[in-house]
């Protein structure tokens, strides 16, 4: 009798803690005599895999065991590698599928027509041919949006949220967030010496295309000002506050952290480059734009520091290792129980299984009224009693509670 076989993949940007998930699932599988198969390079493994080609198989599929995962949780990144492939919108067909009957779409943007192919049928076929009965998908909004689609098509799938932006719906926490804040806080504390030595305004840019969790929590931990995508600040007021901070500081410097999607009144975010598989383009550096405005309006010199990729690099901190291990074990337990369409999560500060988020709702956003002081452009420090440990609540809770009542 063939062993039960499960697959696991990581998609999107890497974060610290992913390897701990992979190891925990693999070790649990070895205890239950279940095969765990690593699908390398995210969804690309299931769209580009050619099972008739041994090189393709070794490139995209790796059997996981206690020996080859024994030490992986001691470092960051993902041993399975990652990609931003969207199986529903493949921009270039793999060579072995050229000439096959594959659904194709034509879209026009800026007068330029673009072809994309939907390889979902290939994904389903590869899962079947690999004998994968249950899939664990680890990722952010984009990766999990496709996971939800597979669940609707009958694939047994459990999701695990990860992103340093912490903006996946239905959970208060995503793997990678704590390490990102730890990294950002350390970098800002170190750079105080340089910014202070030169008596400048230090401007720090962090990730956060649509949500300001990373910027806000960094500001909370370092006691500096911040600008987030959810609220457009008044530029004159912001600059005045920074100048006041600088003058009031005995070392004559000031600091501010910006989300990459931060804006002020009258400022339009500039994007460049081709859209990725999920339609996202790179954003121009808002920190440089703010530095230019400060120089033009006040003559003050600035120091710009882009912290983005550094925050997802390196080993996980304690929180991310704890949550990653727990999310992985929860996903494995859910798989054993035959559950599907669910995601490991933290809700009201407690571990829970929730529905994979509806991609149409977009990313989770900060609640400005309760978390951001729009007069001082700082986090709100008061009125925290009764909040979960990460000071925010998952947005779905009422609907999910009603759904649970209806099915119990």
Protein backbone atom coordinates (compact mmCIF):
# COMPACT_ATOMS: atom_id res chain seq x y z
CA UNK A 1 0.00 0.00 0.00
CA UNK A 2 1.41 3.41 -1.02
CA UNK A 3 2.27 5.86 1.70
CA UNK A 4 0.22 8.98 2.17
CA UNK A 5 2.06 11.89 0.52
CA UNK A 6 1.78 15.61 1.19
CA UNK A 7 3.42 18.54 -0.57
CA UNK A 8 4.73 21.82 0.80
CA UNK A 9 5.79 25.01 -0.99
CA UNK A 10 6.82 28.60 -0.26
CA UNK A 11 5.82 31.46 -2.56
CA UNK A 12 6.50 35.18 -2.86
CA UNK A 13 9.18 36.99 -0.89
CA UNK A 14 11.21 35.06 1.63
CA UNK A 15 11.00 35.82 5.36
CA UNK A 16 12.67 34.44 8.46
CA UNK A 17 10.83 31.42 9.88
CA UNK A 18 9.90 29.54 6.70
CA UNK A 19 12.43 26.77 7.28
CA UNK A 20 11.00 26.12 10.74
CA UNK A 21 7.61 25.39 9.14
CA UNK A 22 9.18 23.05 6.60
CA UNK A 23 11.11 21.17 9.29
CA UNK A 24 8.16 20.81 11.65
CA UNK A 25 5.93 19.35 8.93
CA UNK A 26 8.69 17.00 7.76
CA UNK A 27 9.45 15.72 11.25
CA UNK A 28 5.77 15.15 12.02
CA UNK A 29 5.40 13.29 8.74
CA UNK A 30 8.34 11.00 9.55
CA UNK A 31 6.68 10.08 12.86
CA UNK A 32 3.45 9.11 11.08
CA UNK A 33 5.11 7.35 8.12
CA UNK A 34 3.84 10.05 5.73
CA UNK A 35 5.99 11.20 2.82
CA UNK A 36 6.62 14.94 2.61
CA UNK A 37 7.56 16.34 -0.79
CA UNK A 38 9.10 19.78 -1.14
CA UNK A 39 7.93 21.70 -4.21
CA UNK A 40 10.74 24.05 -5.11
CA UNK A 41 10.31 27.63 -6.35
CA UNK A 42 6.70 28.09 -5.27
CA UNK A 43 3.89 27.65 -7.76
CA UNK A 44 6.47 27.41 -10.56
CA UNK A 45 7.10 23.83 -9.41
CA UNK A 46 3.60 22.84 -10.43
CA UNK A 47 3.43 24.84 -13.67
CA UNK A 48 6.88 24.20 -15.12
CA UNK A 49 7.53 20.65 -13.89
CA UNK A 50 8.05 18.09 -16.65
CA UNK A 51 7.82 14.69 -14.97
CA UNK A 52 9.24 12.98 -18.07
CA UNK A 53 12.49 14.92 -17.65
CA UNK A 54 14.73 13.79 -14.74
CA UNK A 55 16.47 17.19 -14.66
CA UNK A 56 13.14 18.99 -14.36
CA UNK A 57 12.04 16.64 -11.62
CA UNK A 58 15.21 17.24 -9.55
CA UNK A 59 14.94 20.99 -10.21
CA UNK A 60 11.41 21.25 -8.86
CA UNK A 61 10.79 18.29 -6.53
CA UNK A 62 12.73 17.17 -3.47
CA UNK A 63 11.76 14.44 -1.00
CA UNK A 64 12.05 15.86 2.51
CA UNK A 65 13.27 13.81 5.47
CA UNK A 66 14.74 14.27 8.91
CA UNK A 67 18.30 14.24 7.56
CA UNK A 68 17.97 16.98 4.94
CA UNK A 69 15.85 19.22 7.19
CA UNK A 70 17.68 18.62 10.48
CA UNK A 71 19.43 22.01 10.66
CA UNK A 72 17.38 24.18 8.30
CA UNK A 73 15.45 25.95 11.07
CA UNK A 74 18.70 27.52 12.28
CA UNK A 75 18.78 29.95 9.37
CA UNK A 76 16.46 32.26 7.48
CA UNK A 77 15.22 32.19 3.90
CA UNK A 78 13.61 29.08 2.44
CA UNK A 79 15.44 25.93 1.43
CA UNK A 80 12.65 25.31 -1.08
CA UNK A 81 13.34 28.64 -2.80
CA UNK A 82 10.52 30.84 -4.04
CA UNK A 83 9.00 32.65 -7.00
CA UNK A 84 6.18 35.06 -7.83
CA UNK A 85 4.61 32.80 -10.45
CA UNK A 86 0.84 33.06 -10.86
CA UNK A 87 -0.36 29.79 -12.46
CA UNK A 88 -3.47 31.55 -13.77
CA UNK A 89 -1.39 34.11 -15.67
CA UNK A 90 1.81 32.57 -16.99
CA UNK A 91 3.60 35.07 -19.20
CA UNK A 92 5.82 32.54 -21.01
CA UNK A 93 4.94 28.92 -21.58
CA UNK A 94 7.47 26.28 -20.49
CA UNK A 95 9.16 24.75 -23.54
CA UNK A 96 7.59 21.32 -23.04
CA UNK A 97 4.08 22.83 -23.13
CA UNK A 98 4.54 24.91 -26.29
CA UNK A 99 2.10 23.67 -28.91
CA UNK A 100 -0.25 22.16 -26.34
CA UNK A 101 -3.85 23.25 -26.03
CA UNK A 102 -3.58 25.69 -23.10
CA UNK A 103 -6.18 28.37 -22.22
CA UNK A 104 -4.85 31.78 -23.28
CA UNK A 105 -5.98 35.32 -22.45
CA UNK A 106 -5.18 38.60 -24.15
CA UNK A 107 -5.06 41.83 -22.17
CA UNK A 108 -4.19 45.34 -23.26
CA UNK A 109 -2.39 47.85 -21.04
CA UNK A 110 -1.21 51.20 -22.38
CA UNK A 111 -1.88 50.05 -25.93
CA UNK A 112 0.35 46.98 -25.49
CA UNK A 113 -1.29 43.59 -25.92
CA UNK A 114 -0.04 40.84 -23.61
CA UNK A 115 -0.72 37.11 -23.73
CA UNK A 116 -0.99 35.01 -20.59
CA UNK A 117 -1.72 31.32 -20.18
CA UNK A 118 -3.74 29.60 -17.45
CA UNK A 119 -1.84 26.46 -16.39
CA UNK A 120 -4.23 25.44 -13.63
CA UNK A 121 -5.00 22.19 -15.46
CA UNK A 122 -1.25 21.45 -15.50
CA UNK A 123 -1.05 22.18 -11.75
CA UNK A 124 -3.86 19.72 -11.06
CA UNK A 125 -2.29 17.09 -13.31
CA UNK A 126 1.13 17.42 -11.67
CA UNK A 127 -0.34 17.13 -8.18
CA UNK A 128 -2.13 13.98 -9.27
CA UNK A 129 0.90 12.48 -11.02
CA UNK A 130 3.09 13.21 -7.98
CA UNK A 131 0.56 11.47 -5.76
CA UNK A 132 0.21 14.50 -3.52
CA UNK A 133 -2.99 14.12 -1.54
CA UNK A 134 -2.73 17.28 0.55
CA UNK A 135 -0.84 20.53 -0.07
CA UNK A 136 0.51 23.05 2.44
CA UNK A 137 1.06 26.47 0.84
CA UNK A 138 3.06 29.11 2.72
CA UNK A 139 2.81 32.66 1.42
CA UNK A 140 1.28 36.10 1.45
CA UNK A 141 -1.81 37.48 -0.29
CA UNK A 142 -0.72 36.54 -3.81
CA UNK A 143 0.38 32.98 -3.05
CA UNK A 144 -2.68 32.32 -0.91
CA UNK A 145 -5.08 33.74 -3.50
CA UNK A 146 -4.13 30.87 -5.78
CA UNK A 147 -4.32 28.43 -2.88
CA UNK A 148 -7.94 29.49 -2.41
CA UNK A 149 -8.58 28.85 -6.10
CA UNK A 150 -7.17 25.32 -5.85
CA UNK A 151 -9.33 24.65 -2.82
CA UNK A 152 -12.41 25.61 -4.86
CA UNK A 153 -11.27 23.11 -7.51
CA UNK A 154 -11.16 20.30 -4.98
CA UNK A 155 -7.50 20.25 -3.97
CA UNK A 156 -7.01 19.44 -0.29
CA UNK A 157 -5.04 22.46 0.86
CA UNK A 158 -4.02 24.22 4.07
CA UNK A 159 -2.42 27.68 4.05
CA UNK A 160 0.13 29.34 6.30
CA UNK A 161 0.43 33.17 6.23
CA UNK A 162 3.86 34.75 5.91
CA UNK A 163 4.84 38.30 5.05
CA UNK A 164 6.88 40.96 6.77
CA UNK A 165 4.06 43.37 5.84
CA UNK A 166 1.70 41.45 8.19
CA UNK A 167 -1.21 42.30 5.89
CA UNK A 168 -2.85 38.92 5.25
CA UNK A 169 -6.51 38.99 6.24
CA UNK A 170 -8.09 36.73 8.86
CA UNK A 171 -5.01 36.68 11.10
CA UNK A 172 -3.35 39.10 13.48
CA UNK A 173 0.11 37.79 12.70
CA UNK A 174 2.11 36.54 9.71
CA UNK A 175 5.45 34.73 9.87
CA UNK A 176 8.34 37.14 9.32
CA UNK A 177 6.78 40.21 10.92
CA UNK A 178 8.54 40.12 14.29
CA UNK A 179 11.97 39.55 12.76
CA UNK A 180 11.37 42.45 10.37
CA UNK A 181 10.56 44.80 13.26
CA UNK A 182 13.56 43.52 15.24
CA UNK A 183 15.84 44.12 12.23
CA UNK A 184 14.41 47.58 11.57
CA UNK A 185 14.69 48.63 15.21
CA UNK A 186 18.29 47.45 15.39
CA UNK A 187 19.23 49.25 12.17
CA UNK A 188 17.65 52.51 13.30
CA UNK A 189 19.29 52.32 16.71
CA UNK A 190 22.69 51.75 15.06
CA UNK A 191 22.23 54.55 12.57
CA UNK A 192 21.34 57.08 15.26
CA UNK A 193 25.09 57.53 15.77
CA UNK A 194 25.67 58.47 12.13
CA UNK A 195 22.57 60.64 11.75
CA UNK A 196 23.42 62.39 15.03
CA UNK A 197 27.08 62.83 14.15
CA UNK A 198 26.12 64.67 10.98
CA UNK A 199 23.15 66.49 12.59
CA UNK A 200 20.72 65.46 9.89
CA UNK A 201 17.23 64.04 9.46
CA UNK A 202 17.31 60.27 9.06
CA UNK A 203 14.68 58.85 6.71
CA UNK A 204 14.11 55.10 6.76
CA UNK A 205 12.09 53.24 4.14
CA UNK A 206 10.56 49.82 4.84
CA UNK A 207 8.27 47.53 2.87
CA UNK A 208 4.52 48.05 3.03
CA UNK A 209 2.95 48.54 -0.39
CA UNK A 210 -0.63 48.72 0.86
CA UNK A 211 -0.46 48.51 4.65
CA UNK A 212 1.65 50.30 7.24
CA UNK A 213 2.13 47.62 9.89
CA UNK A 214 5.91 47.39 9.45
CA UNK A 215 6.45 51.16 9.57
CA UNK A 216 4.00 51.72 12.45
CA UNK A 217 5.38 48.96 14.67
CA UNK A 218 8.96 50.01 13.96
CA UNK A 219 8.04 53.54 14.98
CA UNK A 220 6.29 52.17 18.07
CA UNK A 221 9.41 50.26 19.13
CA UNK A 222 11.88 53.08 18.39
CA UNK A 223 9.74 56.09 19.43
CA UNK A 224 10.00 57.94 16.13
CA UNK A 225 7.50 59.34 13.64
CA UNK A 226 6.12 57.37 10.71
CA UNK A 227 4.03 57.71 7.54
CA UNK A 228 1.79 54.85 6.43
CA UNK A 229 -0.20 54.11 3.24
CA UNK A 230 -3.55 54.27 5.04
CA UNK A 231 -3.29 58.00 5.78
CA UNK A 232 -2.07 60.90 3.64
CA UNK A 233 -0.19 63.35 5.83
CA UNK A 234 0.17 67.10 5.41
CA UNK A 235 3.70 67.61 4.07
CA UNK A 236 4.23 71.08 5.55
CA UNK A 237 3.12 69.85 8.96
CA UNK A 238 5.28 66.72 8.72
CA UNK A 239 8.39 68.72 7.87
CA UNK A 240 7.65 71.21 10.65
CA UNK A 241 7.38 68.38 13.19
CA UNK A 242 10.68 66.88 12.03
CA UNK A 243 12.42 70.24 12.31
CA UNK A 244 10.96 70.69 15.81
CA UNK A 245 12.23 67.21 16.75
CA UNK A 246 15.67 68.09 15.45
CA UNK A 247 15.88 71.40 17.30
CA UNK A 248 14.65 69.83 20.55
CA UNK A 249 17.18 67.01 20.37
CA UNK A 250 20.48 67.79 22.19
CA UNK A 251 22.26 65.94 19.37
CA UNK A 252 20.37 67.96 16.73
CA UNK A 253 18.89 65.16 14.64
CA UNK A 254 15.49 63.61 13.89
CA UNK A 255 14.24 60.28 12.55
CA UNK A 256 11.23 59.05 10.57
CA UNK A 257 10.23 55.72 9.01
CA UNK A 258 8.10 55.47 5.86
CA UNK A 259 6.20 52.59 4.33
CA UNK A 260 7.06 52.14 0.65
CA UNK A 261 3.42 53.04 -0.08
CA UNK A 262 3.39 56.14 2.14
CA UNK A 263 1.91 59.32 0.68
CA UNK A 264 1.20 62.94 1.52
CA UNK A 265 -1.39 65.30 0.14
CA UNK A 266 -0.52 66.21 -3.44
CA UNK A 267 2.03 63.42 -3.83
CA UNK A 268 1.41 60.60 -6.28
CA UNK A 269 3.35 57.37 -5.91
CA UNK A 270 5.46 56.66 -8.96
CA UNK A 271 5.79 53.12 -10.24
CA UNK A 272 8.21 51.66 -12.75
CA UNK A 273 9.07 48.42 -14.51
CA UNK A 274 6.83 45.66 -15.82
CA UNK A 275 4.05 44.34 -13.57
CA UNK A 276 4.80 41.01 -11.91
CA UNK A 277 2.56 37.97 -12.25
CA UNK A 278 0.05 39.47 -9.79
CA UNK A 279 0.00 42.93 -11.39
CA UNK A 280 2.35 44.72 -8.97
CA UNK A 281 4.93 47.21 -10.23
CA UNK A 282 7.92 48.46 -8.26
CA UNK A 283 7.42 51.74 -6.42
CA UNK A 284 9.84 54.64 -6.64
CA UNK A 285 11.62 55.38 -3.36
CA UNK A 286 9.30 57.65 -1.36
CA UNK A 287 12.16 58.36 1.09
CA UNK A 288 14.10 60.08 -1.68
CA UNK A 289 11.05 62.17 -2.58
CA UNK A 290 10.64 63.26 1.05
CA UNK A 291 14.36 64.09 1.29
CA UNK A 292 14.08 66.28 -1.80
CA UNK A 293 11.09 68.13 -0.35
CA UNK A 294 12.88 68.72 2.97
CA UNK A 295 15.97 70.06 1.19
CA UNK A 296 13.98 72.37 -1.07
CA UNK A 297 11.77 73.75 1.69
CA UNK A 298 14.20 74.02 4.59
CA UNK A 299 17.73 73.50 3.33
CA UNK A 300 18.15 70.68 5.88
CA UNK A 301 20.35 67.74 4.94
CA UNK A 302 19.06 64.17 5.23
CA UNK A 303 20.37 60.62 5.33
CA UNK A 304 18.26 58.05 3.50
CA UNK A 305 18.38 54.39 4.44
CA UNK A 306 16.47 51.74 2.52
CA UNK A 307 15.88 48.89 4.98
CA UNK A 308 13.53 46.84 2.82
CA UNK A 309 15.27 43.59 1.84
CA UNK A 310 17.52 43.57 4.90
CA UNK A 311 14.46 43.13 7.14
CA UNK A 312 13.53 39.76 5.63
CA UNK A 313 17.07 38.40 5.73
CA UNK A 314 18.92 36.38 8.36
CA UNK A 315 17.81 34.11 11.17
CA UNK A 316 14.32 34.29 12.72
CA UNK A 317 13.89 35.80 16.16
CA UNK A 318 12.13 33.90 18.95
CA UNK A 319 8.62 35.07 18.07
CA UNK A 320 8.91 34.07 14.42
CA UNK A 321 10.40 30.70 15.27
CA UNK A 322 7.66 30.03 17.85
CA UNK A 323 4.84 31.07 15.52
CA UNK A 324 6.34 29.27 12.51
CA UNK A 325 6.69 26.00 14.41
CA UNK A 326 3.16 26.32 15.77
CA UNK A 327 1.58 27.29 12.44
CA UNK A 328 3.35 24.34 10.80
CA UNK A 329 2.11 21.88 13.41
CA UNK A 330 -1.43 23.28 13.19
CA UNK A 331 -1.40 22.88 9.41
CA UNK A 332 -0.17 19.32 9.76
CA UNK A 333 -2.86 18.49 12.32
CA UNK A 334 -5.52 19.98 10.06
CA UNK A 335 -4.22 17.90 7.17
CA UNK A 336 -4.40 14.71 9.28
CA UNK A 337 -8.01 15.54 10.10
CA UNK A 338 -8.84 15.90 6.41
CA UNK A 339 -9.57 19.62 6.61
CA UNK A 340 -9.12 21.91 3.62
CA UNK A 341 -9.48 25.58 2.68
CA UNK A 342 -8.20 26.71 6.07
CA UNK A 343 -5.23 28.77 7.23
CA UNK A 344 -3.19 28.72 10.44
CA UNK A 345 -3.75 32.03 12.23
CA UNK A 346 -3.63 34.08 15.40
CA UNK A 347 -7.01 35.49 16.38
CA UNK A 348 -7.58 37.49 19.57
CA UNK A 349 -4.06 36.43 20.54
CA UNK A 350 -4.93 32.73 20.26
CA UNK A 351 -3.96 30.15 17.66
CA UNK A 352 -6.83 29.22 15.39
CA UNK A 353 -7.74 27.80 11.97
CA UNK A 354 -9.59 30.28 9.75
CA UNK A 355 -10.74 30.38 6.11
CA UNK A 356 -8.12 31.20 3.50
CA UNK A 357 -8.76 34.91 2.81
CA UNK A 358 -10.89 36.02 -0.11
CA UNK A 359 -8.43 37.58 -2.57
CA UNK A 360 -11.08 39.99 -3.84
CA UNK A 361 -11.00 41.82 -0.49
CA UNK A 362 -7.35 42.78 -0.92
CA UNK A 363 -4.77 43.06 1.86
CA UNK A 364 -5.58 43.83 5.47
CA UNK A 365 -5.10 47.48 6.48
CA UNK A 366 -4.27 49.26 9.71
CA UNK A 367 -7.16 50.72 11.65
CA UNK A 368 -6.02 54.34 11.62
CA UNK A 369 -8.46 55.49 14.30
CA UNK A 370 -7.10 53.12 16.94
CA UNK A 371 -3.44 52.84 15.95
CA UNK A 372 -2.17 56.04 14.27
CA UNK A 373 -2.04 59.52 15.76
CA UNK A 374 -2.97 61.71 12.79
CA UNK A 375 -1.97 64.89 14.64
CA UNK A 376 1.52 63.79 15.62
CA UNK A 377 2.22 61.22 12.86
CA UNK A 378 3.16 58.66 15.47
CA UNK A 379 1.67 55.40 16.76
CA UNK A 380 -1.04 55.72 19.39
CA UNK A 381 0.44 54.55 22.69
CA UNK A 382 -2.63 54.84 24.91
CA UNK A 383 -5.60 52.52 25.47
CA UNK A 384 -3.96 49.14 24.89
CA UNK A 385 -5.59 47.24 27.75
CA UNK A 386 -7.56 44.27 26.50
CA UNK A 387 -5.91 44.10 23.08
CA UNK A 388 -4.23 40.90 21.82
CA UNK A 389 -0.44 40.71 22.11
CA UNK A 390 0.14 42.19 18.65
CA UNK A 391 -2.25 45.10 19.31
CA UNK A 392 -4.56 44.46 16.36
CA UNK A 393 -7.48 42.21 15.57
CA UNK A 394 -8.21 39.99 12.58
CA UNK A 395 -10.91 41.59 10.46
CA UNK A 396 -13.01 38.54 9.69
CA UNK A 397 -13.94 37.48 13.22
CA UNK A 398 -17.68 38.18 13.27
CA UNK A 399 -18.40 36.52 9.91
CA UNK A 400 -16.32 33.48 10.78
CA UNK A 401 -18.03 33.13 14.16
CA UNK A 402 -21.43 33.19 12.50
CA UNK A 403 -20.29 30.61 9.95
CA UNK A 404 -19.05 28.35 12.72
CA UNK A 405 -22.36 28.62 14.58
CA UNK A 406 -24.19 27.67 11.40
CA UNK A 407 -22.13 24.50 10.91
CA UNK A 408 -22.05 23.23 14.51
